[in-house]
Protein backbone atom coordinates (compact mmCIF):
# COMPACT_ATOMS: atom_id res chain seq x y z
CA MET A 1 -0.63 -0.11 -0.36
CA ASN A 2 1.24 3.80 -0.62
CA GLN A 3 2.15 6.84 1.84
CA SER A 4 -1.27 7.97 0.09
CA GLN A 5 -4.35 5.33 -0.38
CA SER A 6 -2.16 4.69 3.86
CA GLN A 7 -3.47 8.55 4.55
CA ILE A 8 -6.68 7.78 2.81
CA GLU A 9 -7.90 4.34 4.43
CA THR A 10 -6.92 6.25 7.99
CA ILE A 11 -9.50 9.39 7.04
CA ALA A 12 -11.55 6.64 5.54
CA ARG A 13 -11.57 4.36 8.66
CA ALA A 14 -12.02 7.29 11.08
CA LEU A 15 -14.24 9.54 9.40
CA CYS A 16 -16.45 5.12 8.89
CA GLU A 17 -16.61 4.43 12.94
CA ARG A 18 -17.42 8.13 14.23
CA GLN A 19 -20.36 7.60 10.63
CA LEU A 20 -21.47 4.38 12.41
CA LEU A 21 -21.11 6.10 16.17
CA GLU A 22 -23.88 8.98 15.38
CA MET A 23 -25.96 5.73 14.07
CA SER A 24 -26.19 4.42 17.52
CA VAL A 25 -24.00 1.28 16.54
CA VAL A 26 -23.04 -0.08 19.03
CA PRO A 27 -19.70 0.48 20.46
CA GLU A 28 -18.57 -3.88 20.09
CA ASP A 29 -20.60 -3.22 15.93
CA THR A 30 -18.58 -0.79 15.03
CA ALA A 31 -14.66 -2.47 14.68
CA ALA A 32 -17.02 -4.79 11.95
CA GLY A 33 -18.95 -2.06 10.01
CA ILE A 34 -15.49 0.03 10.22
CA ASP A 35 -14.12 -3.04 8.24
CA ARG A 36 -16.65 -3.82 6.25
CA TYR A 37 -17.62 -0.05 5.29
CA TRP A 38 -14.37 2.33 4.88
CA PRO A 39 -13.95 1.57 1.36
CA CYS A 40 -17.04 3.41 1.04
CA VAL A 41 -16.50 6.32 2.38
CA ALA A 42 -12.52 6.20 1.01
CA ALA A 43 -13.88 6.12 -3.09
CA GLU A 44 -16.41 9.46 -2.74
CA ILE A 45 -13.03 11.34 -0.67
CA GLU A 46 -11.38 10.33 -3.80
CA ALA A 47 -13.86 10.93 -6.04
CA GLY A 48 -14.37 14.17 -4.38
CA LEU A 49 -17.93 13.10 -3.14
CA ILE A 50 -17.02 14.33 0.31
CA ASP A 51 -14.01 16.12 1.92
CA ALA A 52 -12.13 14.39 4.46
CA ALA A 53 -13.75 15.78 7.04
CA GLY A 54 -17.08 13.75 6.20
CA ASN A 55 -18.65 16.99 4.90
CA ARG A 56 -20.96 16.37 1.30
CA LEU A 57 -19.10 18.11 -1.52
CA VAL A 58 -21.64 18.03 -4.23
CA PRO A 59 -25.62 16.82 -3.63
CA PHE A 60 -25.86 12.91 -2.92
CA ASP A 61 -26.00 10.88 -5.85
CA PHE A 62 -26.62 7.24 -5.40
CA GLU A 63 -25.26 6.66 -9.65
CA ALA A 64 -22.32 8.80 -8.83
CA SER A 65 -21.56 6.71 -5.39
CA GLN A 66 -21.70 3.61 -6.84
CA ALA A 67 -19.67 4.44 -9.29
CA ALA A 68 -16.86 5.94 -7.43
CA TYR A 69 -17.06 2.23 -5.26
CA ARG A 70 -16.96 0.42 -8.92
CA ASP A 71 -13.78 2.76 -9.47
CA TRP A 72 -12.27 2.54 -6.47
CA PHE A 73 -12.31 -1.45 -6.04
CA GLN A 74 -10.67 -1.78 -9.74
CA ARG A 75 -8.28 0.39 -8.83
CA HIS A 76 -7.13 -1.21 -5.42
CA PRO A 77 -8.27 -5.31 -5.35
C-alpha cells in the first residue's frame, strides 16, 4: 500500500467510525462495520463527493456514489 492510499484509509476509517457511532451502532459492532464500509468512504473522498472531514461537497447522487465505489475497487483490488 502506498503512502497516499495509507493516508486515505486512515481518514476513511476514522470517518466511518464516527458515522457508525452517530448512527448509534454499538461500539462492539463498530470494528466490523469499519472494516466493511471504509472503502465506500474512501471512494467518495477520492471522487470528490465528500471531503476528509466527511462534509458532502456535492448533493448526494446514488449513481455517482456507486460509480466511485466501482472505480475504487478497480484501482485497489
